Amino acid sequence: MSGSNGRSLGRRTFVLGSAAAAGTAALAGPLAQTASAASFGWSDDGSNYVVDTGASLVFKVSKTNGDLTSLVYKGTEYQGYGGKNSHVESGLGTSTVTIAQSGSTILISVAYGTLKHYYAARSGENNVYLWTNKADDSVTATRYIVRVKAGLFLNDEPDSYTYAPTVIESADIFEKSDGQTRAKHYSKLRVMDYNYIGWTTGSVGLWIVRSNHEKASGGPFYRSLLRHQSADGGGLYEILYYGENQTESERFGLQGPYVIALTDGGAPSSSLYAGTLTTSWADSLGISGYVSASGRGRVAGVGISGRDTAYAYTVGLANSAAQYWGSARSSDGYFSIAGVLPGTYTLTVFKGELAVYTGSVTVTAGATTTLNTIAVPSSNDPSNASAIWRINNWDGTPSGFKNADLMTYAHPSDVRASSWTGNVVIGSGTETSAFPCYLWKDVNSGIIVYFKLTAAQAAAAHTLRIGVTTAYANGRPQVVVNDTWTSAVPSPPTQPSTRSLTVGSYRGNNYTFTYSVPASAWLTDTSAYNTLKIYVASGSGTTSFLSAGTSVDAIDLLA
């Protein structure tokens, strides 16, 4: 694909795997301006504060509104596309912008109402450190976007390329002439899956290294905008709060540091990652809301018993003020979550993305809270229940179902998707791969599952379970057995009210629907197939892939 100047966009994109979120270091105290060393320092060109890092990076920040107006690395300007600057949200408007230097650190402070935003530079580093403190909802601020000029990077992540000829949904999802779909939503990645995002030519890399997301919302499995490219250029995001398919209320407070990092083509230094970054050099900068490392605590767990070792386990901490997470060691379930703000948190153990244990833990500044081995009760994992048959295993995701992997980076109408219809036969060996990951009222409602029962099984009532991971427009399953027994329409569980299934996210609130099917509903002929028809019930939604729908985790008939 080409940019407006005829050159291709984006080249290679490096994304690292999971890193447990850890707390950032803290800041306190004012800055005083001191003399700069070598070329490191700042100047005022009348409209902007100009910062020379003393390495290969010079950047400018508007004195009017705090926008990043220039990002020059080794003499090349990278900032800007479509005549827009890089900034919080879509720009803050007239702000109070100040600058101060203390030894090897320069700090630019931006105040816009109750919102505070900061840029910091360190002598000899090709990095810009950023913090954003949204104190309340009086100011809209849900992201920082680095806007990159067109033509500087080739595009090897085409699913996030937003320049395509046909708009197919909500002015932000597009279809190419070959039937493939594109949208800025299609990142593929959960928050816990990456440390940084960006592009490289092989000789120049431009990245955003994410913060620990302690004041963000949605937890470790949340998916949101990361980057996009269009004919006008590219955008790299640090999402401060994203409402699409969001399961939690917005948290307020300081987020950061997140880092704009320029390199000679390689990955940004691992010392910048959220799990390892410490900023003791910034302890005296006076950044609003910053809590130092000494003001934070740690939670460590000896282990987790009762695990299904076929799955990865994650431990999350959350309260109304902050969120954190860490991976449990595969051998014994040991976990450690550092940099946690003091307070009492709900501790959740996830098998895959399915919560199988919850408890409470209190964190104290400067101390480690050590937990004895957490025992996951067998009954907390629905996979442990004895079943006559089961489609997919319970892990809180639709992974394994038809089209599941594709749906994290494509629209359901994408030409690469297999047919959303088609029935399933228990015992065929393709039960899971043939069952669609999503069900919609207007697309594939009425999917049929065929299965046989023994005489003893047919003589008894059984519980049918359908697990879901999210829903759109209150879509929920209603079932019909052998065209003679119909379940009641269940009440809809709490789910996000925004789009989900069409914007690359199945992550909502896991919920299990249960149906008590009487013995009279089963066929007594053991050679005949019973039929289970699964419909999507809801009076909401519109048509096609925006009709009421739901994402499926697992389906089983208990013994």
Protein backbone atom coordinates (compact mmCIF):
# COMPACT_ATOMS: atom_id res chain seq x y z
CA MET A 1 0.00 0.00 0.00
CA SER A 2 1.19 3.50 -0.71
CA GLY A 3 1.09 6.80 1.10
CA SER A 4 0.04 10.09 -0.44
CA ASN A 5 3.60 10.69 -1.64
CA GLY A 6 3.64 7.39 -3.51
CA ARG A 7 5.93 5.61 -1.06
CA SER A 8 4.86 2.60 0.94
CA LEU A 9 3.91 2.93 4.59
CA GLY A 10 5.17 1.00 7.63
CA ARG A 11 7.98 -1.58 7.41
CA ARG A 12 8.54 -4.10 10.16
CA THR A 13 6.60 -3.95 13.38
CA PHE A 14 8.09 -5.58 16.47
CA VAL A 15 5.82 -6.52 19.34
CA LEU A 16 7.08 -8.28 22.43
CA GLY A 17 5.15 -10.86 24.37
CA SER A 18 3.66 -10.78 27.81
CA ALA A 19 5.15 -8.70 30.59
CA ALA A 20 3.62 -8.47 34.04
CA ALA A 21 2.60 -4.90 34.71
CA ALA A 22 4.60 -3.31 37.46
CA GLY A 23 4.34 0.03 39.15
CA THR A 24 6.17 3.07 37.93
CA ALA A 25 8.48 5.05 40.11
CA ALA A 26 7.42 8.25 41.74
CA LEU A 27 7.95 11.95 41.56
CA ALA A 28 7.83 14.80 44.02
CA GLY A 29 9.20 18.29 44.39
CA PRO A 30 9.74 21.25 42.05
CA LEU A 31 12.42 21.78 39.40
CA ALA A 32 14.83 24.65 39.09
CA GLN A 33 16.50 25.58 35.79
CA THR A 34 20.22 24.89 35.63
CA ALA A 35 22.86 25.14 32.94
CA SER A 36 22.87 22.39 30.31
CA ALA A 37 25.86 20.24 29.43
CA ALA A 38 27.13 19.79 25.87
CA SER A 39 24.22 20.12 23.40
CA PHE A 40 21.67 18.98 25.94
CA GLY A 41 19.27 21.77 26.82
CA TRP A 42 16.26 23.75 25.72
CA SER A 43 15.40 26.94 23.94
CA ASP A 44 12.34 29.01 23.08
CA ASP A 45 11.57 29.70 19.40
CA GLY A 46 8.62 31.92 20.28
CA SER A 47 5.92 29.32 19.61
CA ASN A 48 7.52 26.19 21.05
CA TYR A 49 9.89 24.94 23.66
CA VAL A 50 12.68 23.20 21.76
CA VAL A 51 14.43 20.34 23.57
CA ASP A 52 17.76 18.92 22.40
CA THR A 53 18.43 15.62 24.18
CA GLY A 54 22.13 15.80 23.45
CA ALA A 55 21.86 12.56 21.51
CA SER A 56 20.16 12.38 18.09
CA LEU A 57 16.71 13.65 19.05
CA VAL A 58 15.30 17.17 19.08
CA PHE A 59 11.62 17.74 19.80
CA LYS A 60 9.31 20.71 20.16
CA VAL A 61 6.29 21.29 22.38
CA SER A 62 3.79 24.06 21.72
CA LYS A 63 3.77 26.79 24.34
CA THR A 64 0.09 27.33 23.57
CA ASN A 65 -1.52 23.92 23.96
CA GLY A 66 1.17 21.36 24.86
CA ASP A 67 1.08 19.57 21.49
CA LEU A 68 4.22 17.79 20.32
CA THR A 69 4.85 19.78 17.14
CA SER A 70 8.16 18.32 15.98
CA LEU A 71 10.09 15.07 16.43
CA VAL A 72 13.40 15.19 14.60
CA TYR A 73 15.69 12.17 14.79
CA LYS A 74 19.07 12.34 13.05
CA GLY A 75 17.87 15.29 11.03
CA THR A 76 14.62 13.72 9.77
CA GLU A 77 11.23 15.03 10.86
CA TYR A 78 8.91 12.20 11.89
CA GLN A 79 6.07 14.14 13.51
CA GLY A 80 2.85 14.96 11.77
CA TYR A 81 0.33 13.77 9.26
CA GLY A 82 -2.71 15.48 7.83
CA GLY A 83 -1.54 18.78 9.28
CA LYS A 84 -2.00 17.48 12.84
CA ASN A 85 0.33 17.40 15.81
CA SER A 86 0.91 14.64 18.35
CA HIS A 87 -1.07 15.22 21.53
CA VAL A 88 -3.39 14.09 24.29
CA GLU A 89 -6.74 13.10 22.79
CA SER A 90 -7.32 15.41 19.77
CA GLY A 91 -5.51 18.31 21.39
CA LEU A 92 -6.15 20.05 24.68
CA GLY A 93 -6.70 23.63 23.59
CA THR A 94 -5.17 26.66 25.24
CA SER A 95 -3.09 25.48 28.20
CA THR A 96 -0.49 26.71 30.65
CA VAL A 97 2.82 25.31 29.46
CA THR A 98 6.05 25.65 31.46
CA ILE A 99 9.56 24.24 31.22
CA ALA A 100 12.34 23.66 33.72
CA GLN A 101 15.71 21.96 33.70
CA SER A 102 17.47 20.26 36.58
CA GLY A 103 20.86 18.81 35.75
CA SER A 104 20.38 16.04 33.21
CA THR A 105 16.57 16.25 33.11
CA ILE A 106 14.21 18.65 31.34
CA LEU A 107 10.51 18.66 32.23
CA ILE A 108 7.72 20.37 30.27
CA SER A 109 4.48 20.70 32.23
CA VAL A 110 1.09 21.24 30.58
CA ALA A 111 -1.98 22.26 32.59
CA TYR A 112 -5.43 22.23 31.02
CA GLY A 113 -8.15 22.61 33.60
CA THR A 114 -7.82 19.69 36.01
CA LEU A 115 -5.71 17.71 33.55
CA LYS A 116 -1.92 17.71 33.84
CA HIS A 117 0.40 16.37 31.15
CA TYR A 118 4.18 16.10 31.15
CA TYR A 119 7.10 15.57 28.77
CA ALA A 120 10.56 14.74 30.10
CA ALA A 121 13.93 14.36 28.41
CA ARG A 122 17.17 12.91 29.74
CA SER A 123 20.60 13.95 28.60
CA GLY A 124 22.01 11.55 26.01
CA GLU A 125 18.78 9.59 25.48
CA ASN A 126 16.65 9.38 22.34
CA ASN A 127 13.50 9.05 24.44
CA VAL A 128 10.60 11.29 25.39
CA TYR A 129 8.99 10.30 28.70
CA LEU A 130 5.31 11.19 29.10
CA TRP A 131 2.83 11.23 31.96
CA THR A 132 -0.85 12.18 31.90
CA ASN A 133 -2.92 12.89 35.00
CA LYS A 134 -6.64 13.00 34.36
CA ALA A 135 -8.10 13.95 37.72
CA ASP A 136 -11.80 13.72 36.84
CA ASP A 137 -14.24 13.58 33.93
CA SER A 138 -14.29 17.34 33.31
CA VAL A 139 -11.75 16.86 30.51
CA THR A 140 -11.93 14.29 27.73
CA ALA A 141 -8.57 12.55 27.58
CA THR A 142 -8.50 8.94 26.57
CA ARG A 143 -5.26 8.61 24.64
CA TYR A 144 -1.97 10.03 23.55
CA ILE A 145 -1.37 9.72 19.82
CA VAL A 146 1.98 10.07 18.08
CA ARG A 147 1.23 11.15 14.52
CA VAL A 148 3.90 9.99 12.07
CA LYS A 149 4.48 11.41 8.60
CA ALA A 150 3.52 9.33 5.59
CA GLY A 151 6.11 7.43 3.61
CA LEU A 152 8.69 6.94 6.34
CA PHE A 153 7.82 3.34 7.20
CA LEU A 154 6.52 0.45 5.11
CA ASN A 155 3.38 -1.26 6.35
CA ASP A 156 3.69 -4.89 7.42
CA GLU A 157 0.66 -4.86 9.72
CA PRO A 158 -1.97 -4.43 7.03
CA ASP A 159 -5.01 -5.20 9.14
CA SER A 160 -4.65 -1.86 10.93
CA TYR A 161 -4.23 0.03 7.66
CA THR A 162 -7.30 2.22 7.43
CA TYR A 163 -7.06 3.39 3.85
CA ALA A 164 -9.44 1.22 1.82
CA PRO A 165 -12.07 2.13 -0.74
CA THR A 166 -15.30 1.00 0.91
CA VAL A 167 -16.68 1.91 4.34
CA ILE A 168 -18.70 -1.01 5.69
CA GLU A 169 -19.38 0.01 9.29
CA SER A 170 -19.56 3.17 11.37
CA ALA A 171 -17.12 5.16 9.19
CA ASP A 172 -14.15 3.34 10.76
CA ILE A 173 -14.17 -0.17 9.26
CA PHE A 174 -13.22 -0.57 5.62
CA GLU A 175 -13.23 -3.23 2.94
CA LYS A 176 -10.69 -3.63 0.16
CA SER A 177 -11.61 -4.69 -3.34
CA ASP A 178 -10.40 -8.21 -2.56
CA GLY A 179 -12.85 -8.53 0.34
CA GLN A 180 -10.34 -8.17 3.16
CA THR A 181 -11.29 -5.74 5.91
CA ARG A 182 -9.25 -3.06 7.65
CA ALA A 183 -9.72 -0.95 10.78
CA LYS A 184 -7.65 0.86 13.37
CA HIS A 185 -9.33 -1.42 15.94
CA TYR A 186 -7.66 -4.56 14.66
CA SER A 187 -4.58 -4.81 16.88
CA LYS A 188 -4.67 -8.58 17.60
CA LEU A 189 -3.06 -7.95 20.99
CA ARG A 190 -4.22 -7.85 24.58
CA VAL A 191 -2.58 -5.34 26.91
CA MET A 192 -0.52 -8.06 28.57
CA ASP A 193 0.81 -9.26 25.21
CA TYR A 194 3.02 -6.30 24.33
CA ASN A 195 5.57 -3.94 25.85
CA TYR A 196 5.86 -1.60 22.90
CA ILE A 197 4.36 -0.90 19.51
CA GLY A 198 5.73 0.84 16.45
CA TRP A 199 7.65 0.56 13.22
CA THR A 200 11.20 0.10 11.97
CA THR A 201 12.95 0.53 8.64
CA GLY A 202 15.83 -1.58 9.85
CA SER A 203 17.93 1.52 10.43
CA VAL A 204 15.39 3.68 12.29
CA GLY A 205 12.77 2.53 14.78
CA LEU A 206 9.95 4.64 16.19
CA TRP A 207 8.06 3.18 19.13
CA ILE A 208 5.69 3.85 21.98
CA VAL A 209 6.63 1.85 25.05
CA ARG A 210 3.46 1.39 27.07
CA SER A 211 3.00 2.34 30.71
CA ASN A 212 1.91 -0.16 33.34
CA HIS A 213 -1.75 0.85 32.76
CA GLU A 214 -2.41 1.01 36.49
CA LYS A 215 -4.97 3.78 35.97
CA ALA A 216 -6.42 2.32 32.78
CA SER A 217 -9.41 -0.06 32.78
CA GLY A 218 -10.30 -3.47 31.42
CA GLY A 219 -7.63 -5.68 32.96
CA PRO A 220 -4.80 -7.70 31.40
CA PHE A 221 -6.87 -9.17 28.55
CA TYR A 222 -8.27 -5.90 27.25
CA ARG A 223 -7.81 -4.97 23.60
CA SER A 224 -7.78 -1.42 22.28
CA LEU A 225 -6.25 0.81 19.62
CA LEU A 226 -2.49 0.45 19.27
CA ARG A 227 -1.57 1.81 15.86
CA HIS A 228 -2.98 2.57 12.48
CA GLN A 229 -1.77 3.69 9.09
CA SER A 230 -3.54 5.52 6.31
CA ALA A 231 -2.62 7.42 3.18
CA ASP A 232 -1.87 10.45 5.36
CA GLY A 233 0.53 8.74 7.75
CA GLY A 234 0.52 6.62 10.87
CA GLY A 235 -0.62 6.82 14.46
CA LEU A 236 0.84 5.15 17.55
CA TYR A 237 -1.34 5.13 20.66
CA GLU A 238 -1.02 4.97 24.38
CA ILE A 239 -4.61 4.40 25.42
CA LEU A 240 -5.42 6.02 28.75
CA TYR A 241 -9.05 4.91 28.71
CA TYR A 242 -10.92 3.22 25.89
CA GLY A 243 -14.68 2.79 25.99
CA GLU A 244 -15.10 0.18 23.24
CA ASN A 245 -16.25 -3.10 24.84
CA GLN A 246 -15.11 -1.77 28.22
CA THR A 247 -16.02 -3.77 31.33
CA GLU A 248 -14.92 -1.27 33.99
CA SER A 249 -15.51 2.32 34.98
CA GLU A 250 -12.85 4.85 34.15
CA ARG A 251 -10.08 5.24 36.69
CA PHE A 252 -8.56 8.63 37.36
CA GLY A 253 -5.05 9.65 38.29
CA LEU A 254 -1.55 9.69 36.86
CA GLN A 255 -0.70 7.33 34.02
CA GLY A 256 2.90 6.84 33.00
CA PRO A 257 5.59 7.03 32.23
CA TYR A 258 5.00 5.88 28.70
CA VAL A 259 7.83 6.54 26.30
CA ILE A 260 8.34 7.69 22.71
CA ALA A 261 11.56 5.88 21.83
CA LEU A 262 13.72 6.36 18.72
CA THR A 263 16.30 3.70 17.92
CA ASP A 264 18.74 2.71 15.19
CA GLY A 265 16.19 0.18 13.99
CA GLY A 266 16.13 -2.26 16.85
CA ALA A 267 13.65 -2.71 19.66
CA PRO A 268 13.54 -0.10 22.40
CA SER A 269 15.63 -0.86 25.46
CA SER A 270 14.04 -3.39 27.78
CA SER A 271 14.89 -1.03 30.65
CA LEU A 272 11.93 1.08 29.46
CA TYR A 273 9.34 -1.69 29.78
CA ALA A 274 6.54 -1.25 32.29
CA GLY A 275 7.72 -4.23 34.31
CA THR A 276 11.29 -2.99 34.66
CA LEU A 277 11.23 0.79 34.30
CA THR A 278 12.19 2.80 37.32
CA THR A 279 12.41 6.57 37.21
CA SER A 280 14.19 7.48 40.41
CA TRP A 281 15.77 10.32 38.46
CA ALA A 282 12.31 11.87 38.37
CA ASP A 283 11.49 11.60 42.05
CA SER A 284 11.97 15.35 42.56
CA LEU A 285 10.22 16.59 39.41
CA GLY A 286 6.95 17.54 41.09
CA ILE A 287 4.67 15.58 38.76
CA SER A 288 1.12 15.68 40.06
CA GLY A 289 -0.09 12.34 41.42
CA TYR A 290 3.24 10.56 41.20
CA VAL A 291 3.97 7.96 43.87
CA SER A 292 7.58 6.89 44.34
CA ALA A 293 8.82 3.32 44.46
CA SER A 294 9.14 3.62 48.23
CA GLY A 295 5.45 4.47 48.41
CA ARG A 296 4.43 1.24 46.70
CA GLY A 297 4.22 -2.40 47.75
CA ARG A 298 4.38 -5.89 46.34
CA VAL A 299 2.25 -9.03 46.36
CA ALA A 300 3.90 -12.44 46.08
CA GLY A 301 2.16 -15.80 45.99
CA VAL A 302 3.89 -19.04 46.95
CA GLY A 303 1.89 -20.92 44.33
CA ILE A 304 -1.49 -21.94 42.95
CA SER A 305 -2.81 -25.48 43.35
CA GLY A 306 -5.73 -27.00 41.48
CA ARG A 307 -4.51 -25.63 38.15
CA ASP A 308 -5.06 -27.19 34.76
CA THR A 309 -1.46 -27.20 33.57
CA ALA A 310 -2.54 -27.09 29.93
CA TYR A 311 -3.38 -23.42 30.47
CA ALA A 312 -1.52 -20.27 31.40
CA TYR A 313 -2.70 -18.63 34.62
CA THR A 314 -2.73 -14.91 35.35
CA VAL A 315 -3.25 -13.17 38.68
CA GLY A 316 -4.95 -9.79 38.66
CA LEU A 317 -5.35 -7.11 41.30
CA ALA A 318 -8.05 -4.46 40.95
CA ASN A 319 -9.96 -1.86 42.88
CA SER A 320 -11.61 1.40 41.88
CA ALA A 321 -8.28 3.24 41.93
CA ALA A 322 -5.83 0.90 40.18
CA GLN A 323 -5.22 -2.41 38.40
CA TYR A 324 -2.21 -4.72 38.10
CA TRP A 325 -1.47 -8.25 36.95
CA GLY A 326 1.24 -10.85 36.74
CA SER A 327 1.76 -14.26 35.16
CA ALA A 328 1.78 -17.36 37.36
CA ARG A 329 4.79 -19.62 36.91
CA SER A 330 3.84 -22.69 34.90
CA SER A 331 5.65 -25.12 37.21
CA ASP A 332 3.96 -24.21 40.49
CA GLY A 333 1.86 -21.07 40.09
CA TYR A 334 4.26 -18.72 41.88
CA PHE A 335 3.59 -15.06 41.07
CA SER A 336 4.93 -11.65 42.00
CA ILE A 337 3.31 -8.27 41.32
CA ALA A 338 5.42 -5.25 42.24
CA GLY A 339 4.94 -1.49 42.20
CA VAL A 340 1.40 -1.65 43.61
CA LEU A 341 -0.21 1.40 45.19
CA PRO A 342 -1.24 0.86 48.84
CA GLY A 343 -4.80 -0.34 49.32
CA THR A 344 -7.09 -3.34 49.41
CA TYR A 345 -7.60 -5.18 46.13
CA THR A 346 -9.70 -7.96 44.75
CA LEU A 347 -7.29 -10.71 43.74
CA THR A 348 -8.47 -12.85 40.83
CA VAL A 349 -6.86 -15.99 39.45
CA PHE A 350 -7.58 -16.56 35.77
CA LYS A 351 -7.32 -19.86 33.92
CA GLY A 352 -6.71 -18.50 30.45
CA GLU A 353 -9.15 -15.59 30.73
CA LEU A 354 -11.69 -17.29 32.96
CA ALA A 355 -11.84 -16.26 36.62
CA VAL A 356 -11.57 -19.39 38.77
CA TYR A 357 -10.73 -17.83 42.13
CA THR A 358 -11.27 -14.49 43.85
CA GLY A 359 -10.00 -13.22 47.17
CA SER A 360 -8.81 -10.06 48.84
CA VAL A 361 -5.33 -8.73 49.51
CA THR A 362 -4.06 -5.60 51.23
CA VAL A 363 -0.92 -3.87 50.01
CA THR A 364 1.25 -1.68 52.22
CA ALA A 365 3.85 0.83 51.05
CA GLY A 366 7.41 -0.47 51.23
CA ALA A 367 6.37 -4.03 52.10
CA THR A 368 5.69 -7.37 50.44
CA THR A 369 2.41 -9.13 51.15
CA THR A 370 3.18 -12.83 50.92
CA LEU A 371 0.32 -15.23 50.25
CA ASN A 372 0.31 -18.94 50.99
CA THR A 373 -0.54 -21.34 48.20
CA ILE A 374 -3.91 -20.45 46.69
CA ALA A 375 -6.09 -23.51 46.22
CA VAL A 376 -8.51 -23.25 43.30
CA PRO A 377 -11.60 -25.28 44.25
CA SER A 378 -12.38 -27.96 41.71
CA SER A 379 -15.94 -26.68 41.40
CA ASN A 380 -14.66 -23.25 40.34
CA ASP A 381 -13.39 -24.62 37.03
CA PRO A 382 -16.39 -25.67 34.92
CA SER A 383 -14.15 -28.00 32.93
CA ASN A 384 -14.01 -30.30 35.95
CA ALA A 385 -17.72 -31.09 35.80
CA SER A 386 -18.52 -34.48 34.30
CA ALA A 387 -20.14 -34.01 30.90
CA ILE A 388 -21.87 -36.26 28.38
CA TRP A 389 -20.35 -34.08 25.70
CA ARG A 390 -18.51 -30.77 25.58
CA ILE A 391 -17.73 -28.41 22.73
CA ASN A 392 -14.49 -26.54 23.43
CA ASN A 393 -12.98 -26.28 26.88
CA TRP A 394 -13.72 -23.58 29.42
CA ASP A 395 -11.02 -20.91 29.41
CA GLY A 396 -12.93 -17.65 29.09
CA THR A 397 -12.21 -17.23 25.37
CA PRO A 398 -13.70 -18.45 22.08
CA SER A 399 -10.29 -19.78 21.04
CA GLY A 400 -10.61 -23.01 19.08
CA PHE A 401 -13.99 -22.19 17.61
CA LYS A 402 -14.39 -21.43 13.92
CA ASN A 403 -13.01 -17.98 12.97
CA ALA A 404 -11.94 -17.20 16.54
CA ASP A 405 -8.34 -16.21 15.77
CA LEU A 406 -9.32 -14.13 12.74
CA MET A 407 -11.83 -12.08 14.72
CA THR A 408 -9.10 -10.28 16.68
CA TYR A 409 -7.93 -8.58 13.49
CA ALA A 410 -10.78 -8.67 10.97
CA HIS A 411 -14.46 -7.90 10.52
CA PRO A 412 -16.84 -10.90 10.51
CA SER A 413 -17.69 -10.16 6.86
CA ASP A 414 -14.03 -10.57 5.84
CA VAL A 415 -13.45 -12.84 2.87
CA ARG A 416 -10.97 -14.82 4.97
CA ALA A 417 -13.71 -15.94 7.37
CA SER A 418 -15.20 -19.40 7.01
CA SER A 419 -18.97 -19.64 6.70
CA TRP A 420 -20.73 -18.53 9.87
CA THR A 421 -23.42 -21.17 9.34
CA GLY A 422 -23.20 -24.96 9.43
CA ASN A 423 -24.25 -27.52 11.97
CA VAL A 424 -22.23 -29.64 14.38
CA VAL A 425 -22.22 -33.38 15.09
CA ILE A 426 -20.97 -34.58 18.47
CA GLY A 427 -18.47 -37.39 17.97
CA SER A 428 -17.35 -36.15 14.56
CA GLY A 429 -14.03 -34.90 15.90
CA THR A 430 -14.69 -31.44 14.46
CA GLU A 431 -17.20 -30.26 17.02
CA THR A 432 -15.16 -27.26 18.12
CA SER A 433 -13.59 -26.21 14.83
CA ALA A 434 -16.99 -26.41 13.09
CA PHE A 435 -18.84 -24.35 15.68
CA PRO A 436 -18.74 -20.57 15.02
CA CYS A 437 -17.09 -18.44 17.69
CA TYR A 438 -19.86 -15.81 17.42
CA LEU A 439 -23.62 -16.13 17.06
CA TRP A 440 -25.88 -13.37 15.70
CA LYS A 441 -29.64 -13.12 15.52
CA ASP A 442 -29.52 -12.05 11.88
CA VAL A 443 -26.63 -14.23 10.67
CA ASN A 444 -26.52 -17.74 12.13
CA SER A 445 -29.15 -18.01 14.84
CA GLY A 446 -30.52 -21.55 15.02
CA ILE A 447 -27.21 -23.45 14.76
CA ILE A 448 -27.96 -27.15 15.30
CA VAL A 449 -25.92 -29.54 17.44
CA TYR A 450 -26.62 -33.26 16.78
CA PHE A 451 -25.88 -35.81 19.50
CA LYS A 452 -26.88 -39.28 20.67
CA LEU A 453 -27.73 -40.43 24.19
CA THR A 454 -27.67 -43.83 25.80
CA ALA A 455 -30.90 -45.18 27.23
CA ALA A 456 -29.79 -44.31 30.75
CA GLN A 457 -28.86 -40.76 29.72
CA ALA A 458 -32.15 -40.26 27.88
CA ALA A 459 -34.07 -41.35 30.96
CA ALA A 460 -32.76 -38.47 33.08
CA ALA A 461 -32.95 -34.70 33.16
CA HIS A 462 -29.69 -32.88 32.40
CA THR A 463 -28.21 -29.43 32.71
CA LEU A 464 -27.07 -27.72 29.54
CA ARG A 465 -24.47 -24.96 29.92
CA ILE A 466 -23.47 -22.27 27.43
CA GLY A 467 -20.61 -19.98 28.42
CA VAL A 468 -20.22 -16.60 26.75
CA THR A 469 -17.45 -13.99 26.87
CA THR A 470 -19.34 -10.88 25.74
CA ALA A 471 -22.48 -9.88 23.92
CA TYR A 472 -23.74 -7.12 21.68
CA ALA A 473 -27.21 -5.56 22.01
CA ASN A 474 -28.19 -7.99 24.81
CA GLY A 475 -27.80 -11.03 22.59
CA ARG A 476 -28.17 -14.24 24.62
CA PRO A 477 -28.87 -17.87 23.78
CA GLN A 478 -32.29 -19.49 23.87
CA VAL A 479 -32.37 -23.21 23.15
CA VAL A 480 -34.80 -25.70 21.61
CA VAL A 481 -34.38 -29.46 22.11
CA ASN A 482 -35.79 -31.86 19.49
CA ASP A 483 -38.25 -29.17 18.40
CA THR A 484 -40.43 -30.04 21.39
CA TRP A 485 -38.86 -28.34 24.41
CA THR A 486 -38.01 -24.65 24.39
CA SER A 487 -36.18 -22.85 27.16
CA ALA A 488 -37.31 -19.58 28.58
CA VAL A 489 -35.53 -16.50 27.24
CA PRO A 490 -32.83 -15.84 29.86
CA SER A 491 -32.21 -12.40 31.27
CA PRO A 492 -29.23 -10.66 29.72
CA PRO A 493 -26.12 -10.45 31.91
CA THR A 494 -24.25 -7.19 32.28
CA GLN A 495 -22.12 -6.61 29.21
CA PRO A 496 -20.53 -3.57 27.53
CA SER A 497 -23.01 -1.51 25.55
CA THR A 498 -20.65 -0.66 22.70
CA ARG A 499 -19.61 -2.66 19.67
CA SER A 500 -17.48 -5.69 20.40
CA LEU A 501 -17.78 -8.54 17.93
CA THR A 502 -16.99 -6.34 14.91
CA VAL A 503 -14.07 -4.40 16.38
CA GLY A 504 -11.69 -7.23 17.20
CA SER A 505 -12.73 -7.94 20.78
CA TYR A 506 -14.50 -10.85 22.44
CA ARG A 507 -13.52 -9.63 25.92
CA GLY A 508 -16.54 -8.68 27.99
CA ASN A 509 -17.91 -10.32 31.12
CA ASN A 510 -17.76 -14.09 31.18
CA TYR A 511 -21.14 -15.56 32.01
CA THR A 512 -22.63 -19.07 32.06
CA PHE A 513 -26.20 -19.72 31.01
CA THR A 514 -27.71 -22.89 32.43
CA TYR A 515 -30.80 -24.73 31.16
CA SER A 516 -32.53 -27.56 33.02
CA VAL A 517 -33.71 -29.90 30.29
CA PRO A 518 -36.31 -32.47 31.45
CA ALA A 519 -36.02 -36.15 30.57
CA SER A 520 -39.18 -35.85 28.49
CA ALA A 521 -37.29 -33.71 25.97
CA TRP A 522 -34.88 -36.47 24.91
CA LEU A 523 -35.40 -39.06 22.20
CA THR A 524 -35.72 -42.60 23.55
CA ASP A 525 -34.38 -44.14 20.34
CA THR A 526 -30.66 -44.43 21.13
CA SER A 527 -29.77 -44.76 17.44
CA ALA A 528 -31.33 -41.41 16.61
CA TYR A 529 -29.69 -38.01 16.89
CA ASN A 530 -31.11 -35.52 19.35
CA THR A 531 -31.04 -31.94 18.15
CA LEU A 532 -30.11 -28.84 20.08
CA LYS A 533 -30.92 -25.59 18.31
CA ILE A 534 -29.26 -22.46 19.67
CA TYR A 535 -30.98 -19.19 18.85
CA VAL A 536 -29.99 -15.63 19.69
CA ALA A 537 -32.72 -13.80 21.56
CA SER A 538 -32.93 -10.01 21.77
CA GLY A 539 -35.09 -7.17 20.59
CA SER A 540 -32.08 -4.90 20.17
CA GLY A 541 -29.45 -4.46 17.50
CA THR A 542 -29.93 -3.76 13.82
CA THR A 543 -29.09 -6.17 11.00
CA SER A 544 -26.40 -8.56 9.88
CA PHE A 545 -23.25 -8.41 12.04
CA LEU A 546 -24.71 -5.54 14.06
CA SER A 547 -27.73 -7.59 15.03
CA ALA A 548 -27.79 -8.92 18.59
CA GLY A 549 -24.95 -11.37 19.08
CA THR A 550 -22.72 -13.16 21.53
CA SER A 551 -19.28 -14.74 21.72
CA VAL A 552 -19.10 -18.35 22.93
CA ASP A 553 -16.61 -19.87 25.39
CA ALA A 554 -17.86 -23.47 25.71
CA ILE A 555 -21.03 -25.58 25.54
CA ASP A 556 -21.65 -28.81 27.39
CA LEU A 557 -24.35 -31.22 28.50
CA LEU A 558 -23.66 -32.39 32.03
CA ALA A 559 -23.94 -36.01 33.02
